[in-house]
N, C-alpha and C. Protein backbone atom coordinates (compact mmCIF):
# COMPACT_ATOMS: atom_id res chain seq x y z
N MET A 1 0.81 -1.21 0.00
CA MET A 1 0.00 0.00 0.00
C MET A 1 0.85 1.26 0.00
N VAL A 2 2.02 1.17 0.62
CA VAL A 2 2.89 2.34 0.68
C VAL A 2 3.23 2.83 -0.72
N GLY A 3 3.47 1.91 -1.65
CA GLY A 3 3.80 2.29 -3.01
C GLY A 3 2.68 3.05 -3.70
N LEU A 4 1.44 2.81 -3.29
CA LEU A 4 0.31 3.53 -3.88
C LEU A 4 0.16 4.92 -3.28
N VAL A 5 0.63 5.08 -2.04
CA VAL A 5 0.50 6.38 -1.36
C VAL A 5 1.60 7.34 -1.79
N VAL A 6 2.78 6.82 -2.07
CA VAL A 6 3.96 7.65 -2.38
C VAL A 6 3.70 8.70 -3.46
N PRO A 7 3.01 8.38 -4.57
CA PRO A 7 2.79 9.40 -5.61
C PRO A 7 2.02 10.63 -5.14
N PHE A 8 1.33 10.54 -4.02
CA PHE A 8 0.55 11.67 -3.53
C PHE A 8 1.34 12.59 -2.61
N GLY A 9 2.63 12.32 -2.45
CA GLY A 9 3.50 13.23 -1.71
C GLY A 9 3.87 12.76 -0.32
N SER A 10 4.85 13.45 0.24
CA SER A 10 5.37 13.07 1.56
C SER A 10 4.35 13.30 2.67
N SER A 11 3.51 14.33 2.52
CA SER A 11 2.49 14.60 3.55
C SER A 11 1.47 13.47 3.62
N ALA A 12 1.07 12.99 2.44
CA ALA A 12 0.12 11.88 2.40
C ALA A 12 0.74 10.62 2.99
N LEU A 13 2.03 10.40 2.69
CA LEU A 13 2.71 9.22 3.22
C LEU A 13 2.82 9.29 4.74
N ALA A 14 3.14 10.47 5.26
CA ALA A 14 3.23 10.64 6.71
C ALA A 14 1.87 10.43 7.37
N ALA A 15 0.82 10.95 6.74
CA ALA A 15 -0.53 10.78 7.28
C ALA A 15 -0.94 9.32 7.26
N TYR A 16 -0.59 8.63 6.19
CA TYR A 16 -0.91 7.20 6.09
C TYR A 16 -0.20 6.41 7.18
N SER A 17 1.08 6.67 7.36
CA SER A 17 1.87 5.93 8.36
C SER A 17 1.32 6.16 9.76
N LEU A 18 0.92 7.41 10.03
CA LEU A 18 0.42 7.76 11.36
C LEU A 18 -0.95 7.15 11.62
N THR A 19 -1.84 7.30 10.67
CA THR A 19 -3.23 6.87 10.89
C THR A 19 -3.41 5.37 10.78
N GLN A 20 -2.44 4.66 10.21
CA GLN A 20 -2.52 3.21 10.20
C GLN A 20 -2.34 2.63 11.59
N ARG A 21 -1.53 3.30 12.40
CA ARG A 21 -1.20 2.78 13.72
C ARG A 21 -2.37 2.87 14.70
N LEU A 22 -3.08 3.98 14.64
CA LEU A 22 -4.11 4.24 15.65
C LEU A 22 -5.24 3.20 15.65
N PRO A 23 -5.90 2.94 14.51
CA PRO A 23 -6.96 1.92 14.55
C PRO A 23 -6.45 0.55 14.97
N GLN A 24 -5.23 0.20 14.53
CA GLN A 24 -4.67 -1.10 14.91
C GLN A 24 -4.42 -1.17 16.42
N PHE A 25 -3.91 -0.07 16.97
CA PHE A 25 -3.64 -0.04 18.41
C PHE A 25 -4.93 -0.19 19.20
N PHE A 26 -5.94 0.59 18.85
CA PHE A 26 -7.19 0.55 19.62
C PHE A 26 -7.99 -0.73 19.34
N ALA A 27 -7.83 -1.31 18.16
CA ALA A 27 -8.48 -2.59 17.88
C ALA A 27 -7.92 -3.67 18.80
N GLY A 28 -6.60 -3.67 18.96
CA GLY A 28 -5.99 -4.63 19.87
C GLY A 28 -6.38 -4.38 21.31
N PHE A 29 -6.47 -3.10 21.67
CA PHE A 29 -6.85 -2.73 23.03
C PHE A 29 -8.28 -3.14 23.34
N GLY A 30 -9.17 -2.95 22.37
CA GLY A 30 -10.58 -3.24 22.61
C GLY A 30 -10.98 -4.67 22.35
N SER A 31 -10.26 -5.36 21.46
CA SER A 31 -10.68 -6.71 21.07
C SER A 31 -9.68 -7.80 21.37
N GLY A 32 -8.42 -7.43 21.63
CA GLY A 32 -7.38 -8.44 21.82
C GLY A 32 -7.68 -9.42 22.93
N GLY A 33 -7.92 -8.90 24.13
CA GLY A 33 -8.19 -9.77 25.27
C GLY A 33 -9.50 -10.52 25.12
N ILE A 34 -10.51 -9.83 24.57
CA ILE A 34 -11.82 -10.47 24.41
C ILE A 34 -11.73 -11.63 23.43
N SER A 35 -11.02 -11.42 22.32
CA SER A 35 -10.92 -12.48 21.31
C SER A 35 -10.16 -13.68 21.85
N GLN A 36 -9.10 -13.43 22.63
CA GLN A 36 -8.34 -14.55 23.20
C GLN A 36 -9.18 -15.32 24.22
N ALA A 37 -9.89 -14.58 25.07
CA ALA A 37 -10.74 -15.24 26.07
C ALA A 37 -11.85 -16.04 25.39
N ALA A 38 -12.44 -15.45 24.35
CA ALA A 38 -13.51 -16.15 23.63
C ALA A 38 -12.97 -17.41 22.97
N GLY A 39 -11.75 -17.33 22.43
CA GLY A 39 -11.15 -18.50 21.81
C GLY A 39 -10.96 -19.64 22.80
N VAL A 40 -10.54 -19.29 24.02
CA VAL A 40 -10.36 -20.32 25.06
C VAL A 40 -11.70 -20.98 25.39
N VAL A 41 -12.74 -20.17 25.56
CA VAL A 41 -14.06 -20.72 25.90
C VAL A 41 -14.60 -21.58 24.76
N VAL A 42 -14.37 -21.14 23.51
CA VAL A 42 -14.80 -21.93 22.36
C VAL A 42 -14.12 -23.30 22.36
N GLY A 43 -12.80 -23.30 22.59
CA GLY A 43 -12.07 -24.57 22.63
C GLY A 43 -12.57 -25.47 23.74
N GLN A 44 -12.80 -24.90 24.91
CA GLN A 44 -13.31 -25.70 26.04
C GLN A 44 -14.71 -26.24 25.75
N SER A 45 -15.53 -25.41 25.13
CA SER A 45 -16.91 -25.83 24.84
C SER A 45 -16.94 -26.96 23.82
N LEU A 46 -16.13 -26.85 22.77
CA LEU A 46 -16.09 -27.92 21.77
C LEU A 46 -15.51 -29.19 22.38
N GLY A 47 -14.49 -29.03 23.24
CA GLY A 47 -13.91 -30.20 23.89
C GLY A 47 -14.89 -30.88 24.83
N ALA A 48 -15.81 -30.10 25.40
CA ALA A 48 -16.81 -30.67 26.31
C ALA A 48 -18.05 -31.15 25.57
N GLY A 49 -18.02 -31.06 24.24
CA GLY A 49 -19.17 -31.51 23.45
C GLY A 49 -20.35 -30.57 23.55
N GLN A 50 -20.10 -29.27 23.69
CA GLN A 50 -21.17 -28.28 23.77
C GLN A 50 -21.00 -27.24 22.66
N PRO A 51 -21.28 -27.62 21.42
CA PRO A 51 -21.08 -26.71 20.29
C PRO A 51 -21.96 -25.46 20.35
N GLN A 52 -23.16 -25.59 20.92
CA GLN A 52 -24.04 -24.42 20.98
C GLN A 52 -23.46 -23.35 21.89
N ARG A 53 -22.82 -23.78 22.99
CA ARG A 53 -22.18 -22.81 23.87
C ARG A 53 -21.01 -22.13 23.16
N ALA A 54 -20.28 -22.90 22.34
CA ALA A 54 -19.18 -22.32 21.57
C ALA A 54 -19.70 -21.26 20.61
N LYS A 55 -20.79 -21.57 19.94
CA LYS A 55 -21.38 -20.63 18.98
C LYS A 55 -21.88 -19.37 19.68
N THR A 56 -22.54 -19.56 20.81
CA THR A 56 -23.03 -18.41 21.57
C THR A 56 -21.89 -17.53 22.05
N THR A 57 -20.79 -18.15 22.45
CA THR A 57 -19.61 -17.40 22.91
C THR A 57 -19.08 -16.49 21.82
N VAL A 58 -19.03 -17.01 20.60
CA VAL A 58 -18.53 -16.22 19.47
C VAL A 58 -19.36 -14.96 19.29
N TRP A 59 -20.68 -15.10 19.29
CA TRP A 59 -21.55 -13.95 19.03
C TRP A 59 -21.53 -12.95 20.19
N TRP A 60 -21.48 -13.46 21.42
CA TRP A 60 -21.39 -12.54 22.56
C TRP A 60 -20.08 -11.76 22.54
N ALA A 61 -18.98 -12.46 22.29
CA ALA A 61 -17.68 -11.80 22.24
C ALA A 61 -17.63 -10.78 21.11
N ALA A 62 -18.22 -11.14 19.97
CA ALA A 62 -18.24 -10.21 18.83
C ALA A 62 -19.03 -8.95 19.18
N GLY A 63 -20.16 -9.13 19.86
CA GLY A 63 -20.97 -7.98 20.24
C GLY A 63 -20.26 -7.06 21.21
N ILE A 64 -19.56 -7.64 22.19
CA ILE A 64 -18.83 -6.83 23.17
C ILE A 64 -17.69 -6.08 22.50
N ALA A 65 -16.91 -6.80 21.67
CA ALA A 65 -15.78 -6.17 20.98
C ALA A 65 -16.26 -5.06 20.05
N LEU A 66 -17.36 -5.31 19.35
CA LEU A 66 -17.90 -4.30 18.43
C LEU A 66 -18.37 -3.07 19.19
N SER A 67 -18.96 -3.26 20.36
CA SER A 67 -19.43 -2.13 21.16
C SER A 67 -18.27 -1.26 21.63
N ILE A 68 -17.21 -1.91 22.12
CA ILE A 68 -16.05 -1.16 22.62
C ILE A 68 -15.36 -0.42 21.48
N ASN A 69 -15.04 -1.14 20.41
CA ASN A 69 -14.32 -0.50 19.31
C ASN A 69 -15.21 0.46 18.53
N GLY A 70 -16.52 0.22 18.56
CA GLY A 70 -17.42 1.17 17.92
C GLY A 70 -17.37 2.52 18.60
N CYS A 71 -17.26 2.52 19.94
CA CYS A 71 -17.13 3.78 20.68
C CYS A 71 -15.83 4.49 20.31
N PHE A 72 -14.73 3.73 20.23
CA PHE A 72 -13.46 4.32 19.82
C PHE A 72 -13.57 4.90 18.41
N ALA A 73 -14.21 4.17 17.50
CA ALA A 73 -14.33 4.62 16.12
C ALA A 73 -15.10 5.93 16.03
N ILE A 74 -16.20 6.02 16.75
CA ILE A 74 -17.01 7.24 16.71
C ILE A 74 -16.23 8.42 17.29
N MET A 75 -15.50 8.19 18.38
CA MET A 75 -14.69 9.27 18.96
C MET A 75 -13.60 9.73 18.00
N MET A 76 -12.98 8.79 17.29
CA MET A 76 -11.95 9.16 16.32
C MET A 76 -12.53 9.96 15.16
N MET A 77 -13.73 9.60 14.74
CA MET A 77 -14.34 10.32 13.62
C MET A 77 -14.76 11.73 14.03
N VAL A 78 -15.22 11.88 15.26
CA VAL A 78 -15.70 13.19 15.71
C VAL A 78 -14.56 14.05 16.24
N PHE A 79 -13.62 13.44 16.95
CA PHE A 79 -12.50 14.18 17.54
C PHE A 79 -11.16 13.55 17.13
N PRO A 80 -10.76 13.68 15.87
CA PRO A 80 -9.51 13.04 15.44
C PRO A 80 -8.26 13.66 16.06
N GLY A 81 -8.31 14.97 16.34
CA GLY A 81 -7.13 15.68 16.84
C GLY A 81 -6.51 15.09 18.09
N PRO A 82 -7.28 14.88 19.16
CA PRO A 82 -6.69 14.34 20.39
C PRO A 82 -6.04 12.97 20.20
N PHE A 83 -6.59 12.15 19.34
CA PHE A 83 -5.99 10.84 19.09
C PHE A 83 -4.68 10.97 18.33
N LEU A 84 -4.66 11.85 17.33
CA LEU A 84 -3.44 12.04 16.54
C LEU A 84 -2.33 12.68 17.36
N SER A 85 -2.70 13.52 18.31
CA SER A 85 -1.69 14.21 19.12
C SER A 85 -0.93 13.25 20.04
N ILE A 86 -1.40 12.01 20.15
CA ILE A 86 -0.65 11.01 20.91
C ILE A 86 0.70 10.76 20.26
N PHE A 87 0.75 10.87 18.93
CA PHE A 87 1.96 10.53 18.18
C PHE A 87 2.68 11.74 17.61
N THR A 88 2.00 12.87 17.43
CA THR A 88 2.67 14.03 16.83
C THR A 88 2.03 15.32 17.32
N ARG A 89 2.85 16.38 17.34
CA ARG A 89 2.36 17.72 17.69
C ARG A 89 2.49 18.65 16.49
N ASP A 90 2.93 18.14 15.37
CA ASP A 90 3.11 18.95 14.16
C ASP A 90 1.74 19.39 13.64
N PRO A 91 1.44 20.69 13.65
CA PRO A 91 0.10 21.14 13.23
C PRO A 91 -0.21 20.81 11.77
N GLN A 92 0.82 20.87 10.90
CA GLN A 92 0.58 20.55 9.50
C GLN A 92 0.20 19.08 9.32
N LEU A 93 0.93 18.21 10.01
CA LEU A 93 0.63 16.78 9.92
C LEU A 93 -0.71 16.47 10.56
N LEU A 94 -1.03 17.16 11.65
CA LEU A 94 -2.34 16.94 12.29
C LEU A 94 -3.47 17.29 11.33
N GLY A 95 -3.31 18.40 10.62
CA GLY A 95 -4.33 18.81 9.66
C GLY A 95 -4.45 17.85 8.49
N GLU A 96 -3.30 17.34 8.03
CA GLU A 96 -3.29 16.40 6.91
C GLU A 96 -3.86 15.04 7.31
N ALA A 97 -3.56 14.63 8.53
CA ALA A 97 -3.94 13.28 8.96
C ALA A 97 -5.38 13.18 9.46
N ALA A 98 -5.98 14.30 9.85
CA ALA A 98 -7.33 14.25 10.43
C ALA A 98 -8.35 13.59 9.50
N PRO A 99 -8.46 14.00 8.22
CA PRO A 99 -9.44 13.31 7.36
C PRO A 99 -9.11 11.85 7.11
N TRP A 100 -7.81 11.53 7.11
CA TRP A 100 -7.42 10.12 6.98
C TRP A 100 -7.98 9.31 8.14
N LEU A 101 -7.78 9.82 9.36
CA LEU A 101 -8.23 9.08 10.54
C LEU A 101 -9.74 8.98 10.59
N GLN A 102 -10.43 10.04 10.16
CA GLN A 102 -11.89 10.01 10.19
C GLN A 102 -12.44 8.90 9.29
N ILE A 103 -11.73 8.61 8.20
CA ILE A 103 -12.15 7.52 7.32
C ILE A 103 -11.68 6.17 7.86
N LEU A 104 -10.39 6.09 8.20
CA LEU A 104 -9.82 4.82 8.63
C LEU A 104 -10.37 4.35 9.98
N ALA A 105 -10.95 5.26 10.75
CA ALA A 105 -11.55 4.85 12.03
C ALA A 105 -12.63 3.80 11.82
N MET A 106 -13.26 3.83 10.64
CA MET A 106 -14.32 2.86 10.36
C MET A 106 -13.79 1.44 10.25
N THR A 107 -12.47 1.29 10.06
CA THR A 107 -11.91 -0.07 10.02
C THR A 107 -12.03 -0.77 11.37
N LEU A 108 -12.21 0.01 12.43
CA LEU A 108 -12.35 -0.60 13.76
C LEU A 108 -13.56 -1.53 13.84
N PHE A 109 -14.61 -1.21 13.09
CA PHE A 109 -15.79 -2.08 13.11
C PHE A 109 -15.44 -3.45 12.54
N GLY A 110 -14.72 -3.45 11.42
CA GLY A 110 -14.32 -4.72 10.82
C GLY A 110 -13.25 -5.44 11.61
N MET A 111 -12.27 -4.67 12.13
CA MET A 111 -11.18 -5.29 12.89
C MET A 111 -11.69 -5.99 14.14
N SER A 112 -12.62 -5.35 14.84
CA SER A 112 -13.11 -5.93 16.10
C SER A 112 -13.77 -7.28 15.86
N LEU A 113 -14.61 -7.36 14.83
CA LEU A 113 -15.26 -8.63 14.53
C LEU A 113 -14.28 -9.64 13.96
N GLY A 114 -13.39 -9.16 13.08
CA GLY A 114 -12.43 -10.06 12.46
C GLY A 114 -11.51 -10.71 13.46
N MET A 115 -11.06 -9.95 14.46
CA MET A 115 -10.17 -10.51 15.48
C MET A 115 -10.87 -11.60 16.29
N VAL A 116 -12.12 -11.36 16.66
CA VAL A 116 -12.87 -12.35 17.44
C VAL A 116 -13.11 -13.61 16.61
N PHE A 117 -13.60 -13.41 15.38
CA PHE A 117 -13.93 -14.57 14.54
C PHE A 117 -12.70 -15.41 14.23
N SER A 118 -11.60 -14.76 13.85
CA SER A 118 -10.41 -15.52 13.47
C SER A 118 -9.81 -16.25 14.67
N GLN A 119 -9.80 -15.59 15.84
CA GLN A 119 -9.25 -16.24 17.03
C GLN A 119 -10.08 -17.45 17.44
N CYS A 120 -11.39 -17.31 17.38
CA CYS A 120 -12.27 -18.43 17.76
C CYS A 120 -12.12 -19.59 16.79
N LEU A 121 -12.01 -19.29 15.50
CA LEU A 121 -11.84 -20.37 14.52
C LEU A 121 -10.47 -21.02 14.66
N ASN A 122 -9.44 -20.21 14.91
CA ASN A 122 -8.11 -20.78 15.11
C ASN A 122 -8.09 -21.74 16.29
N THR A 123 -8.74 -21.34 17.38
CA THR A 123 -8.78 -22.19 18.57
C THR A 123 -9.56 -23.47 18.31
N ALA A 124 -10.55 -23.38 17.43
CA ALA A 124 -11.34 -24.56 17.08
C ALA A 124 -10.63 -25.46 16.08
N GLY A 125 -9.45 -25.06 15.64
CA GLY A 125 -8.69 -25.87 14.69
C GLY A 125 -8.91 -25.50 13.24
N GLU A 126 -9.70 -24.44 12.99
CA GLU A 126 -9.95 -23.99 11.62
C GLU A 126 -8.97 -22.86 11.28
N THR A 127 -7.74 -23.23 10.97
CA THR A 127 -6.71 -22.21 10.73
C THR A 127 -6.63 -21.78 9.27
N LEU A 128 -7.14 -22.60 8.36
CA LEU A 128 -7.02 -22.29 6.94
C LEU A 128 -7.92 -21.13 6.53
N LEU A 129 -9.16 -21.13 7.00
CA LEU A 129 -10.11 -20.10 6.58
C LEU A 129 -9.64 -18.69 6.96
N PRO A 130 -9.21 -18.43 8.20
CA PRO A 130 -8.73 -17.08 8.52
C PRO A 130 -7.59 -16.63 7.62
N MET A 131 -6.69 -17.54 7.28
CA MET A 131 -5.58 -17.18 6.40
C MET A 131 -6.10 -16.81 5.01
N ILE A 132 -7.03 -17.59 4.49
CA ILE A 132 -7.59 -17.31 3.17
C ILE A 132 -8.31 -15.97 3.16
N VAL A 133 -9.06 -15.70 4.22
CA VAL A 133 -9.82 -14.44 4.30
C VAL A 133 -8.89 -13.24 4.30
N VAL A 134 -7.82 -13.30 5.10
CA VAL A 134 -6.89 -12.17 5.18
C VAL A 134 -6.16 -11.96 3.86
N VAL A 135 -5.64 -13.03 3.29
CA VAL A 135 -4.88 -12.91 2.04
C VAL A 135 -5.78 -12.43 0.90
N SER A 136 -6.97 -13.01 0.78
CA SER A 136 -7.86 -12.63 -0.32
C SER A 136 -8.38 -11.21 -0.17
N SER A 137 -8.65 -10.78 1.07
CA SER A 137 -9.13 -9.40 1.25
C SER A 137 -8.04 -8.39 0.92
N ASN A 138 -6.79 -8.75 1.20
CA ASN A 138 -5.68 -7.85 0.87
C ASN A 138 -5.44 -7.77 -0.63
N TRP A 139 -5.39 -8.93 -1.28
CA TRP A 139 -4.97 -8.98 -2.67
C TRP A 139 -6.11 -8.90 -3.68
N LEU A 140 -7.30 -9.30 -3.29
CA LEU A 140 -8.42 -9.27 -4.23
C LEU A 140 -9.36 -8.10 -4.01
N ILE A 141 -9.26 -7.45 -2.86
CA ILE A 141 -10.15 -6.32 -2.57
C ILE A 141 -9.36 -5.04 -2.33
N GLN A 142 -8.50 -5.06 -1.31
CA GLN A 142 -7.83 -3.83 -0.90
C GLN A 142 -6.91 -3.26 -1.97
N GLN A 143 -6.01 -4.06 -2.48
CA GLN A 143 -5.04 -3.56 -3.46
C GLN A 143 -5.71 -3.06 -4.75
N PRO A 144 -6.54 -3.89 -5.41
CA PRO A 144 -7.16 -3.38 -6.64
C PRO A 144 -8.10 -2.21 -6.42
N LEU A 145 -8.85 -2.22 -5.31
CA LEU A 145 -9.76 -1.09 -5.05
C LEU A 145 -8.98 0.19 -4.80
N ALA A 146 -7.84 0.10 -4.13
CA ALA A 146 -7.02 1.29 -3.89
C ALA A 146 -6.58 1.91 -5.21
N ILE A 147 -6.26 1.09 -6.17
CA ILE A 147 -5.86 1.59 -7.49
C ILE A 147 -7.06 2.19 -8.21
N MET A 148 -8.18 1.50 -8.18
CA MET A 148 -9.36 1.94 -8.94
C MET A 148 -10.03 3.18 -8.34
N LEU A 149 -9.95 3.34 -7.02
CA LEU A 149 -10.62 4.48 -6.38
C LEU A 149 -9.73 5.71 -6.29
N SER A 150 -8.41 5.50 -6.25
CA SER A 150 -7.51 6.66 -6.15
C SER A 150 -7.31 7.34 -7.49
N GLY A 151 -7.38 6.56 -8.57
CA GLY A 151 -7.17 7.12 -9.90
C GLY A 151 -5.73 7.45 -10.20
N ALA A 152 -4.81 6.99 -9.36
CA ALA A 152 -3.40 7.31 -9.55
C ALA A 152 -2.81 6.58 -10.75
N ARG A 153 -3.26 5.36 -10.96
CA ARG A 153 -2.79 4.58 -12.10
C ARG A 153 -3.82 3.53 -12.43
N SER A 154 -3.63 2.86 -13.56
CA SER A 154 -4.62 1.87 -13.99
C SER A 154 -4.03 0.47 -14.13
N ASN A 155 -2.72 0.34 -13.90
CA ASN A 155 -2.07 -0.96 -14.03
C ASN A 155 -1.67 -1.51 -12.67
N TRP A 156 -1.80 -2.82 -12.54
CA TRP A 156 -1.46 -3.50 -11.28
C TRP A 156 -0.52 -4.64 -11.59
N GLU A 157 0.64 -4.62 -10.99
CA GLU A 157 1.64 -5.66 -11.20
C GLU A 157 1.42 -6.80 -10.20
N VAL A 158 1.10 -7.98 -10.73
CA VAL A 158 0.85 -9.15 -9.88
C VAL A 158 1.69 -10.32 -10.39
N LEU A 159 2.65 -10.75 -9.57
CA LEU A 159 3.51 -11.89 -9.93
C LEU A 159 4.13 -11.72 -11.30
N GLY A 160 4.59 -10.51 -11.56
CA GLY A 160 5.26 -10.24 -12.83
C GLY A 160 4.32 -9.99 -13.99
N GLN A 161 3.02 -10.07 -13.75
CA GLN A 161 2.03 -9.83 -14.80
C GLN A 161 1.35 -8.49 -14.59
N THR A 162 1.11 -7.78 -15.67
CA THR A 162 0.44 -6.48 -15.60
C THR A 162 -1.06 -6.65 -15.84
N VAL A 163 -1.85 -6.22 -14.87
CA VAL A 163 -3.30 -6.31 -14.97
C VAL A 163 -3.86 -4.91 -15.11
N HIS A 164 -4.67 -4.69 -16.14
CA HIS A 164 -5.29 -3.37 -16.34
C HIS A 164 -6.60 -3.30 -15.56
N LEU A 165 -6.74 -2.27 -14.74
CA LEU A 165 -7.93 -2.10 -13.92
C LEU A 165 -8.67 -0.83 -14.31
N PRO A 166 -9.99 -0.86 -14.34
CA PRO A 166 -10.75 0.36 -14.66
C PRO A 166 -10.69 1.36 -13.52
N THR A 167 -10.76 2.63 -13.84
CA THR A 167 -10.79 3.68 -12.83
C THR A 167 -12.24 3.93 -12.42
N LEU A 168 -12.55 3.71 -11.15
CA LEU A 168 -13.91 3.91 -10.65
C LEU A 168 -14.13 5.30 -10.10
N ALA A 169 -13.07 5.93 -9.61
CA ALA A 169 -13.18 7.28 -9.02
C ALA A 169 -11.81 7.93 -9.02
N HIS A 170 -11.80 9.23 -8.79
CA HIS A 170 -10.54 9.98 -8.68
C HIS A 170 -10.51 10.63 -7.29
N TRP A 171 -10.48 9.79 -6.27
CA TRP A 171 -10.49 10.28 -4.90
C TRP A 171 -9.08 10.49 -4.35
N ASP A 172 -8.09 10.35 -5.21
CA ASP A 172 -6.69 10.54 -4.81
C ASP A 172 -6.34 9.65 -3.61
N GLU A 173 -5.61 10.22 -2.63
CA GLU A 173 -5.17 9.38 -1.52
C GLU A 173 -6.33 8.85 -0.67
N PHE A 174 -7.46 9.57 -0.71
CA PHE A 174 -8.60 9.11 0.10
C PHE A 174 -9.27 7.88 -0.51
N GLY A 175 -9.03 7.64 -1.79
CA GLY A 175 -9.48 6.40 -2.40
C GLY A 175 -8.80 5.20 -1.77
N ILE A 176 -7.53 5.39 -1.38
CA ILE A 176 -6.79 4.33 -0.70
C ILE A 176 -7.40 4.07 0.68
N CYS A 177 -7.77 5.15 1.36
CA CYS A 177 -8.43 5.01 2.68
C CYS A 177 -9.69 4.16 2.57
N TRP A 178 -10.52 4.49 1.58
CA TRP A 178 -11.79 3.78 1.44
C TRP A 178 -11.57 2.33 1.04
N ALA A 179 -10.53 2.06 0.27
CA ALA A 179 -10.22 0.68 -0.10
C ALA A 179 -9.86 -0.14 1.14
N ILE A 180 -9.10 0.47 2.04
CA ILE A 180 -8.73 -0.21 3.29
C ILE A 180 -9.97 -0.49 4.14
N VAL A 181 -10.86 0.50 4.22
CA VAL A 181 -12.09 0.34 5.01
C VAL A 181 -12.95 -0.80 4.44
N ILE A 182 -13.14 -0.78 3.13
CA ILE A 182 -13.98 -1.81 2.50
C ILE A 182 -13.40 -3.20 2.72
N ALA A 183 -12.08 -3.33 2.59
CA ALA A 183 -11.44 -4.63 2.79
C ALA A 183 -11.60 -5.11 4.23
N GLN A 184 -11.43 -4.20 5.18
CA GLN A 184 -11.53 -4.59 6.60
C GLN A 184 -12.96 -4.97 6.97
N VAL A 185 -13.93 -4.27 6.42
CA VAL A 185 -15.33 -4.58 6.73
C VAL A 185 -15.77 -5.87 6.05
N THR A 186 -15.17 -6.16 4.89
CA THR A 186 -15.54 -7.37 4.16
C THR A 186 -15.08 -8.63 4.89
N ARG A 187 -13.96 -8.55 5.60
CA ARG A 187 -13.42 -9.75 6.27
C ARG A 187 -14.42 -10.43 7.19
N PRO A 188 -14.98 -9.72 8.17
CA PRO A 188 -15.94 -10.42 9.06
C PRO A 188 -17.19 -10.88 8.34
N LEU A 189 -17.60 -10.15 7.29
CA LEU A 189 -18.78 -10.59 6.54
C LEU A 189 -18.53 -11.93 5.88
N THR A 190 -17.28 -12.18 5.49
CA THR A 190 -16.92 -13.46 4.88
C THR A 190 -17.06 -14.61 5.87
N TYR A 191 -16.81 -14.32 7.14
CA TYR A 191 -16.88 -15.37 8.16
C TYR A 191 -18.31 -15.77 8.51
N PHE A 192 -19.26 -14.85 8.35
CA PHE A 192 -20.62 -15.08 8.85
C PHE A 192 -21.23 -16.41 8.42
N PRO A 193 -21.28 -16.71 7.10
CA PRO A 193 -21.93 -17.97 6.70
C PRO A 193 -21.25 -19.19 7.31
N TYR A 194 -19.92 -19.17 7.36
CA TYR A 194 -19.21 -20.33 7.89
C TYR A 194 -19.44 -20.48 9.39
N LEU A 195 -19.45 -19.37 10.11
CA LEU A 195 -19.69 -19.44 11.55
C LEU A 195 -21.10 -19.94 11.86
N LYS A 196 -22.03 -19.62 10.98
CA LYS A 196 -23.43 -19.99 11.23
C LYS A 196 -23.72 -21.44 10.81
N TRP A 197 -23.15 -21.85 9.65
CA TRP A 197 -23.52 -23.16 9.12
C TRP A 197 -22.32 -24.09 8.88
N GLY A 198 -21.10 -23.62 9.09
CA GLY A 198 -19.93 -24.42 8.77
C GLY A 198 -19.70 -25.59 9.71
N PRO A 199 -18.80 -26.49 9.31
CA PRO A 199 -18.54 -27.71 10.10
C PRO A 199 -17.63 -27.48 11.31
N TRP A 200 -17.24 -26.24 11.58
CA TRP A 200 -16.32 -26.00 12.69
C TRP A 200 -16.92 -26.43 14.04
N LEU A 201 -18.24 -26.41 14.14
CA LEU A 201 -18.89 -26.80 15.40
C LEU A 201 -18.78 -28.31 15.66
N LYS A 202 -18.40 -29.06 14.64
CA LYS A 202 -18.27 -30.51 14.81
C LYS A 202 -16.84 -30.93 15.12
N LYS A 203 -15.96 -29.94 15.25
CA LYS A 203 -14.56 -30.24 15.55
C LYS A 203 -14.43 -30.91 16.92
N GLN A 204 -13.50 -31.83 17.01
CA GLN A 204 -13.20 -32.48 18.28
C GLN A 204 -11.93 -31.85 18.84
N VAL A 205 -12.07 -31.01 19.85
CA VAL A 205 -10.93 -30.31 20.45
C VAL A 205 -10.56 -30.99 21.75
N LEU A 206 -9.30 -31.38 21.89
CA LEU A 206 -8.85 -32.07 23.10
C LEU A 206 -8.30 -31.08 24.11
């Protein structure tokens, strides 16, 4: 992603670097412990032959994590300055980074659910799906959307092959922000059908 931001200048790159840290930090703060605890309960429940309790744990943990990180996201969108001042006092960078943070704060909604879902599935022994979801959302959604929404270029180099992508918008660096948001929100949505109907509840956890 850094390579896509560079053409928009050093200020955009500094804003990107700064605002990437904040949602990740608060996502871990709000969901890290909850997701780990939920994963432990899921493993214990499956080991005890109580799949319904495991399923209920996932949804309760997701709701709690979403509530906590949702509050952080709203505060970042309404008051970006105090959060950014944790890392910098440069008024120019604060002004440049504020709209970035207001957009990227929405990734907290996706991150909170994604952390809970992936941790619970990992504990249940379903390690392949979380890996596929992360890799596919990065390479099939985030990267191409960043190119198509920013309007910076129309070609995408993948494994030595050049792929031509249509330009959907000319949102400049903010197109990259929205691509990141869409990718992060898509991740937990991908988990929903599997968590509801998938065979993970039949796993035998020792």
